[in-house]
Amino acid sequence: MQELLPVLIGLVMGGLCCRIGSVRLRGVAVLLLSPLGGALATTLNQEWAAGVVPFLADTAFVATAGLGTVIGLAVLGHLRQKATARPVNP
């Protein structure tokens, strides 16, 4: 249950980073913000006493969930745009 919080933080962070225009910059923003999300998750789970390993694991969970959200929303946006595009008459 303790690993649910980093995933939720990653999902929220990925959703917020989707406001950035470029998909590449979204991914870079998620990767750069992942240590902050990992530190937040480790602090809220009170795992700092166990050492640096929980922080690294939480950072990986945040990054994976954030990147998955960015990629998933980008694909959804592309599919939605493709579905609403008008067909070209030959």
Protein backbone atom coordinates (compact mmCIF):
# COMPACT_ATOMS: atom_id res chain seq x y z
CA MET A 1 0.00 0.00 0.00
CA GLN A 2 2.95 2.32 0.55
CA GLU A 3 3.87 2.21 -3.13
CA LEU A 4 0.50 3.59 -4.17
CA LEU A 5 1.44 7.12 -3.14
CA PRO A 6 4.44 7.48 -5.52
CA VAL A 7 2.31 6.19 -8.39
CA LEU A 8 -0.44 8.69 -7.60
CA ILE A 9 2.10 11.50 -7.39
CA GLY A 10 3.49 10.42 -10.77
CA LEU A 11 0.02 10.37 -12.31
CA VAL A 12 -0.74 13.86 -11.04
CA MET A 13 2.66 15.15 -12.11
CA GLY A 14 2.26 13.62 -15.59
CA GLY A 15 -1.17 15.18 -15.91
CA LEU A 16 0.16 18.59 -14.91
CA CYS A 17 3.12 18.30 -17.28
CA CYS A 18 0.72 17.67 -20.16
CA ARG A 19 0.07 21.41 -20.21
CA ILE A 20 3.52 21.83 -21.77
CA GLY A 21 3.31 22.16 -25.54
CA SER A 22 6.00 19.75 -26.73
CA VAL A 23 5.79 16.04 -25.94
CA ARG A 24 9.58 15.86 -25.57
CA LEU A 25 9.61 18.72 -23.09
CA ARG A 26 6.83 17.01 -21.14
CA GLY A 27 8.98 13.90 -20.79
CA VAL A 28 12.01 15.94 -19.77
CA ALA A 29 9.94 17.86 -17.22
CA VAL A 30 8.64 14.62 -15.71
CA LEU A 31 12.17 13.21 -15.46
CA LEU A 32 13.51 16.40 -13.88
CA LEU A 33 10.64 16.62 -11.37
CA SER A 34 10.70 12.92 -10.45
CA PRO A 35 13.27 13.29 -7.63
CA LEU A 36 11.04 15.94 -6.03
CA GLY A 37 8.05 13.62 -6.28
CA GLY A 38 10.12 10.75 -4.92
CA ALA A 39 11.25 12.86 -1.97
CA LEU A 40 7.66 13.90 -1.30
CA ALA A 41 6.45 10.29 -1.40
CA THR A 42 9.30 9.10 0.82
CA THR A 43 8.59 11.86 3.33
CA LEU A 44 4.84 11.22 3.41
CA ASN A 45 5.45 7.47 3.84
CA GLN A 46 8.03 8.21 6.59
CA GLU A 47 10.62 5.94 4.97
CA TRP A 48 13.71 8.14 5.37
CA ALA A 49 14.87 6.09 8.35
CA ALA A 50 15.29 3.04 6.09
CA GLY A 51 17.98 4.80 4.05
CA VAL A 52 18.26 6.00 0.48
CA VAL A 53 16.82 2.88 -1.18
CA PRO A 54 13.14 3.81 -0.57
CA PHE A 55 13.83 7.26 -2.05
CA LEU A 56 15.33 5.71 -5.19
CA ALA A 57 12.43 3.27 -5.51
CA ASP A 58 9.84 6.02 -5.02
CA THR A 59 11.62 8.18 -7.60
CA ALA A 60 11.50 5.33 -10.10
CA PHE A 61 7.79 4.79 -9.42
CA VAL A 62 7.06 8.51 -9.84
CA ALA A 63 9.04 8.69 -13.09
CA THR A 64 7.41 5.57 -14.54
CA ALA A 65 3.88 6.67 -13.69
CA GLY A 66 4.54 10.22 -14.91
CA LEU A 67 6.03 9.14 -18.22
CA GLY A 68 3.25 6.61 -18.70
CA THR A 69 0.68 9.34 -18.14
CA VAL A 70 2.38 11.73 -20.57
CA ILE A 71 2.67 9.07 -23.27
CA GLY A 72 -0.87 7.80 -22.70
CA LEU A 73 -2.42 11.25 -22.86
CA ALA A 74 -0.38 12.11 -25.97
CA VAL A 75 -1.61 8.96 -27.73
CA LEU A 76 -5.19 9.66 -26.62
CA GLY A 77 -4.95 13.20 -27.96
CA HIS A 78 -3.57 11.95 -31.26
CA LEU A 79 -6.33 9.35 -31.61
CA ARG A 80 -9.00 11.90 -30.73
CA GLN A 81 -7.61 14.35 -33.28
CA LYS A 82 -7.46 11.61 -35.90
CA ALA A 83 -11.06 10.55 -35.20
CA THR A 84 -12.42 14.08 -35.57
CA ALA A 85 -10.43 14.93 -38.70
CA ARG A 86 -12.46 15.47 -41.82
CA PRO A 87 -11.83 12.92 -44.58
CA VAL A 88 -10.25 14.19 -47.78
CA ASN A 89 -12.27 13.56 -50.91
CA PRO A 90 -10.17 12.32 -53.86
